[in-house]
């Protein structure tokens, strides 16, 4: 029925809305120009955006890599047991060049 269809759409949108994301910043401080990453799979981080990062965990962990295209050994897996945990690194340049969202 139409009501069931609408309920399914609302439920799907709820689950899609709660997704982990990873923001990277041009310079230190986490309050300047940034890029937003939230798509599943391997993502290369723009070379100019290594000034800091913010990771918001909503159930999808990420793995970080020191080479583009997720080509080397995993350097770190960032996740947590608790939902809606935020991790910042705003005062130092980070080295990883790609991330893999596990969805």
N, C-alpha and C. Protein backbone atom coordinates (compact mmCIF):
# COMPACT_ATOMS: atom_id res chain seq x y z
N UNK A 1 0.83 -1.18 0.00
CA UNK A 1 0.00 0.00 0.00
C UNK A 1 0.88 1.25 0.00
N UNK A 2 0.28 2.37 -0.27
CA UNK A 2 1.02 3.64 -0.33
C UNK A 2 1.61 4.00 1.03
N UNK A 3 0.86 3.77 2.08
CA UNK A 3 1.34 4.08 3.43
C UNK A 3 2.59 3.27 3.77
N UNK A 4 2.58 2.00 3.43
CA UNK A 4 3.74 1.15 3.68
C UNK A 4 4.94 1.65 2.87
N UNK A 5 4.72 2.04 1.64
CA UNK A 5 5.79 2.56 0.78
C UNK A 5 6.42 3.81 1.41
N UNK A 6 5.59 4.72 1.90
CA UNK A 6 6.08 5.94 2.53
C UNK A 6 6.87 5.61 3.79
N UNK A 7 6.39 4.67 4.57
CA UNK A 7 7.10 4.27 5.79
C UNK A 7 8.47 3.69 5.46
N UNK A 8 8.55 2.89 4.43
CA UNK A 8 9.83 2.32 4.01
C UNK A 8 10.78 3.43 3.56
N UNK A 9 10.30 4.39 2.81
CA UNK A 9 11.14 5.51 2.37
C UNK A 9 11.66 6.32 3.55
N UNK A 10 10.81 6.57 4.53
CA UNK A 10 11.23 7.31 5.71
C UNK A 10 12.30 6.53 6.47
N UNK A 11 12.11 5.24 6.61
CA UNK A 11 13.08 4.40 7.30
C UNK A 11 14.42 4.38 6.57
N UNK A 12 14.39 4.25 5.27
CA UNK A 12 15.62 4.26 4.48
C UNK A 12 16.33 5.59 4.61
N UNK A 13 15.61 6.68 4.52
CA UNK A 13 16.23 8.00 4.63
C UNK A 13 16.84 8.22 6.01
N UNK A 14 16.21 7.66 7.05
CA UNK A 14 16.76 7.76 8.39
C UNK A 14 18.12 7.08 8.47
N UNK A 15 18.22 5.87 7.92
CA UNK A 15 19.48 5.15 7.96
C UNK A 15 20.53 5.80 7.09
N UNK A 16 20.14 6.34 5.95
CA UNK A 16 21.09 7.01 5.08
C UNK A 16 21.58 8.32 5.69
N UNK A 17 20.75 8.97 6.45
CA UNK A 17 21.13 10.26 7.04
C UNK A 17 22.18 10.08 8.13
N UNK A 18 22.23 8.96 8.77
CA UNK A 18 23.18 8.71 9.84
C UNK A 18 24.38 7.96 9.28
N UNK A 19 25.28 8.70 8.66
CA UNK A 19 26.46 8.09 8.07
C UNK A 19 27.71 8.81 8.59
N UNK A 20 28.77 8.05 8.77
CA UNK A 20 30.03 8.65 9.17
C UNK A 20 30.51 9.60 8.10
N UNK A 21 31.30 10.59 8.52
CA UNK A 21 31.92 11.47 7.53
C UNK A 21 33.28 11.93 8.02
N UNK A 22 34.08 12.38 7.07
CA UNK A 22 35.46 12.77 7.30
C UNK A 22 35.69 14.11 6.62
N UNK A 23 35.99 15.15 7.38
CA UNK A 23 36.27 16.47 6.83
C UNK A 23 37.76 16.74 6.94
N UNK A 24 38.36 17.27 5.88
CA UNK A 24 39.77 17.65 5.90
C UNK A 24 39.88 19.15 5.63
N UNK A 25 40.89 19.77 6.23
CA UNK A 25 41.02 21.23 6.20
C UNK A 25 42.31 21.65 5.51
N UNK A 26 42.24 22.80 4.85
CA UNK A 26 43.37 23.34 4.10
C UNK A 26 44.53 23.68 5.02
N UNK A 27 44.26 24.34 6.10
CA UNK A 27 45.30 24.75 7.03
C UNK A 27 44.99 24.28 8.43
N UNK A 28 45.92 24.47 9.35
CA UNK A 28 45.68 24.03 10.72
C UNK A 28 44.55 24.80 11.39
N UNK A 29 43.94 24.16 12.35
CA UNK A 29 42.91 24.82 13.14
C UNK A 29 41.50 24.31 12.92
N UNK A 30 41.25 23.57 11.86
CA UNK A 30 39.91 23.00 11.57
C UNK A 30 38.82 24.06 11.49
N UNK A 31 39.15 25.24 10.99
CA UNK A 31 38.12 26.25 10.83
C UNK A 31 38.35 27.08 9.56
N UNK A 32 38.99 26.51 8.56
CA UNK A 32 39.20 27.20 7.30
C UNK A 32 38.62 26.36 6.16
N UNK A 33 39.06 26.59 4.94
CA UNK A 33 38.53 25.86 3.78
C UNK A 33 38.65 24.35 4.01
N UNK A 34 37.57 23.62 3.69
CA UNK A 34 37.58 22.18 3.94
C UNK A 34 36.91 21.42 2.82
N UNK A 35 37.19 20.11 2.80
CA UNK A 35 36.51 19.18 1.90
C UNK A 35 35.86 18.10 2.75
N UNK A 36 34.72 17.61 2.27
CA UNK A 36 33.88 16.67 3.01
C UNK A 36 33.87 15.33 2.27
N UNK A 37 34.15 14.24 2.99
CA UNK A 37 34.15 12.90 2.41
C UNK A 37 33.17 12.02 3.19
N UNK A 38 32.29 11.32 2.47
CA UNK A 38 31.33 10.44 3.16
C UNK A 38 30.87 9.28 2.29
N UNK A 39 31.51 9.04 1.17
CA UNK A 39 31.10 7.99 0.24
C UNK A 39 31.82 6.70 0.58
N UNK A 40 31.15 5.58 0.44
CA UNK A 40 31.75 4.28 0.72
C UNK A 40 32.88 3.99 -0.27
N UNK A 41 33.88 3.26 0.20
CA UNK A 41 34.98 2.85 -0.67
C UNK A 41 36.23 3.70 -0.45
N UNK A 42 37.16 3.59 -1.40
CA UNK A 42 38.45 4.28 -1.33
C UNK A 42 38.33 5.69 -1.87
N UNK A 43 38.84 6.65 -1.11
CA UNK A 43 38.80 8.06 -1.49
C UNK A 43 40.17 8.67 -1.31
N UNK A 44 40.68 9.34 -2.34
CA UNK A 44 41.94 10.06 -2.21
C UNK A 44 41.69 11.42 -1.60
N UNK A 45 42.56 11.81 -0.69
CA UNK A 45 42.45 13.12 -0.05
C UNK A 45 43.25 14.11 -0.88
N UNK A 46 42.63 15.23 -1.20
CA UNK A 46 43.29 16.27 -2.00
C UNK A 46 44.61 16.66 -1.34
N UNK A 47 45.71 16.74 -2.10
CA UNK A 47 47.03 17.03 -1.51
C UNK A 47 47.12 18.35 -0.75
N UNK A 48 46.28 19.31 -1.08
CA UNK A 48 46.33 20.61 -0.40
C UNK A 48 45.58 20.63 0.93
N UNK A 49 44.86 19.57 1.24
CA UNK A 49 43.99 19.56 2.42
C UNK A 49 44.51 18.58 3.47
N UNK A 50 45.66 18.88 4.05
CA UNK A 50 46.23 18.05 5.10
C UNK A 50 46.50 18.84 6.37
N UNK A 51 45.81 19.97 6.55
CA UNK A 51 46.05 20.82 7.71
C UNK A 51 45.39 20.33 8.99
N UNK A 52 44.42 19.46 8.87
CA UNK A 52 43.71 18.92 10.02
C UNK A 52 42.52 18.13 9.54
N UNK A 53 41.92 17.36 10.45
CA UNK A 53 40.74 16.59 10.06
C UNK A 53 39.76 16.48 11.21
N UNK A 54 38.53 16.17 10.84
CA UNK A 54 37.47 15.84 11.81
C UNK A 54 36.77 14.61 11.28
N UNK A 55 36.68 13.57 12.10
CA UNK A 55 35.97 12.34 11.73
C UNK A 55 34.80 12.16 12.67
N UNK A 56 33.60 12.06 12.12
CA UNK A 56 32.40 11.80 12.91
C UNK A 56 31.97 10.37 12.62
N UNK A 57 32.02 9.53 13.65
CA UNK A 57 31.69 8.11 13.52
C UNK A 57 30.22 7.89 13.81
N UNK A 58 29.53 7.34 12.81
CA UNK A 58 28.11 7.00 12.93
C UNK A 58 27.88 5.54 12.55
N UNK A 59 28.89 4.70 12.73
CA UNK A 59 28.73 3.28 12.45
C UNK A 59 29.58 2.77 11.31
N UNK A 60 30.12 3.64 10.47
CA UNK A 60 30.97 3.22 9.37
C UNK A 60 32.41 3.64 9.68
N UNK A 61 33.27 2.67 10.02
CA UNK A 61 34.67 3.02 10.31
C UNK A 61 35.42 3.37 9.03
N UNK A 62 36.57 4.00 9.18
CA UNK A 62 37.44 4.26 8.04
C UNK A 62 38.80 3.66 8.32
N UNK A 63 39.49 3.31 7.24
CA UNK A 63 40.89 2.92 7.31
C UNK A 63 41.68 4.01 6.61
N UNK A 64 42.83 4.37 7.15
CA UNK A 64 43.67 5.40 6.53
C UNK A 64 44.88 4.75 5.89
N UNK A 65 45.36 5.36 4.81
CA UNK A 65 46.50 4.86 4.05
C UNK A 65 47.48 6.00 3.80
N UNK A 66 48.77 5.69 3.81
CA UNK A 66 49.79 6.70 3.57
C UNK A 66 50.08 6.92 2.09
N UNK A 67 49.43 6.16 1.21
CA UNK A 67 49.58 6.30 -0.24
C UNK A 67 48.20 6.54 -0.86
N UNK A 68 48.16 7.16 -2.06
CA UNK A 68 46.88 7.33 -2.76
C UNK A 68 46.28 5.98 -3.14
N UNK A 69 45.01 5.96 -3.43
CA UNK A 69 44.27 4.79 -3.93
C UNK A 69 44.29 3.60 -2.97
N UNK A 70 44.50 3.86 -1.68
CA UNK A 70 44.47 2.81 -0.65
C UNK A 70 45.42 1.67 -1.00
N UNK A 71 46.62 2.02 -1.48
CA UNK A 71 47.54 1.03 -2.04
C UNK A 71 48.49 0.39 -1.05
N UNK A 72 48.76 1.00 0.07
CA UNK A 72 49.76 0.44 0.97
C UNK A 72 49.10 -0.28 2.14
N UNK A 73 49.89 -0.59 3.13
CA UNK A 73 49.37 -1.19 4.35
C UNK A 73 48.43 -0.20 5.04
N UNK A 74 47.46 -0.71 5.74
CA UNK A 74 46.57 0.15 6.52
C UNK A 74 47.39 0.80 7.62
N UNK A 75 47.33 2.14 7.71
CA UNK A 75 48.08 2.80 8.78
C UNK A 75 47.26 2.89 10.06
N UNK A 76 45.95 3.09 9.93
CA UNK A 76 45.07 3.20 11.10
C UNK A 76 43.65 2.82 10.71
N UNK A 77 42.94 2.16 11.60
CA UNK A 77 41.50 1.99 11.45
C UNK A 77 40.85 2.82 12.54
N UNK A 78 39.99 3.75 12.12
CA UNK A 78 39.33 4.64 13.07
C UNK A 78 37.88 4.22 13.20
N UNK A 79 37.52 3.79 14.38
CA UNK A 79 36.13 3.43 14.67
C UNK A 79 35.96 3.47 16.18
N UNK A 80 34.79 3.17 16.60
CA UNK A 80 34.52 3.16 18.04
C UNK A 80 33.28 2.32 18.30
N UNK A 81 33.08 1.92 19.51
CA UNK A 81 31.88 1.17 19.87
C UNK A 81 30.71 2.13 20.03
N UNK A 82 30.96 3.31 20.59
CA UNK A 82 29.88 4.28 20.82
C UNK A 82 29.51 4.98 19.52
N UNK A 83 28.24 5.25 19.35
CA UNK A 83 27.77 5.99 18.17
C UNK A 83 28.04 7.48 18.33
N UNK A 84 28.10 8.17 17.22
CA UNK A 84 28.20 9.63 17.18
C UNK A 84 29.42 10.15 17.93
N UNK A 85 30.55 9.47 17.80
CA UNK A 85 31.79 9.93 18.39
C UNK A 85 32.55 10.75 17.36
N UNK A 86 33.11 11.85 17.81
CA UNK A 86 33.86 12.73 16.92
C UNK A 86 35.33 12.72 17.31
N UNK A 87 36.21 12.61 16.31
CA UNK A 87 37.65 12.65 16.53
C UNK A 87 38.22 13.82 15.73
N UNK A 88 39.02 14.66 16.39
CA UNK A 88 39.64 15.81 15.74
C UNK A 88 41.16 15.66 15.76
N UNK A 89 41.80 16.19 14.75
CA UNK A 89 43.23 16.42 14.75
C UNK A 89 43.43 17.74 14.02
N UNK A 90 43.46 18.83 14.77
CA UNK A 90 43.40 20.16 14.16
C UNK A 90 44.70 20.95 14.25
N UNK A 91 45.66 20.52 15.02
CA UNK A 91 46.85 21.33 15.25
C UNK A 91 48.10 20.75 14.62
N UNK A 92 47.95 19.74 13.79
CA UNK A 92 49.12 19.16 13.13
C UNK A 92 48.73 18.62 11.76
N UNK A 93 49.72 18.61 10.88
CA UNK A 93 49.51 18.07 9.54
C UNK A 93 49.43 16.55 9.64
N UNK A 94 48.49 15.93 8.94
CA UNK A 94 48.42 14.47 8.95
C UNK A 94 49.02 13.94 7.65
N UNK A 95 49.51 12.70 7.70
CA UNK A 95 50.28 12.14 6.59
C UNK A 95 49.48 11.28 5.63
N UNK A 96 48.36 10.72 6.06
CA UNK A 96 47.70 9.78 5.16
C UNK A 96 47.10 10.49 3.95
N UNK A 97 47.12 9.77 2.81
CA UNK A 97 46.71 10.35 1.54
C UNK A 97 45.41 9.78 1.00
N UNK A 98 44.93 8.70 1.58
CA UNK A 98 43.65 8.13 1.15
C UNK A 98 42.97 7.47 2.33
N UNK A 99 41.65 7.33 2.22
CA UNK A 99 40.86 6.68 3.26
C UNK A 99 39.90 5.70 2.59
N UNK A 100 39.51 4.69 3.35
CA UNK A 100 38.54 3.72 2.86
C UNK A 100 37.39 3.67 3.85
N UNK A 101 36.20 4.09 3.40
CA UNK A 101 35.00 3.99 4.21
C UNK A 101 34.45 2.58 4.11
N UNK A 102 34.30 1.91 5.24
CA UNK A 102 33.72 0.57 5.29
C UNK A 102 32.22 0.70 5.50
N UNK A 103 31.45 0.45 4.44
CA UNK A 103 29.99 0.58 4.54
C UNK A 103 29.32 -0.76 4.25
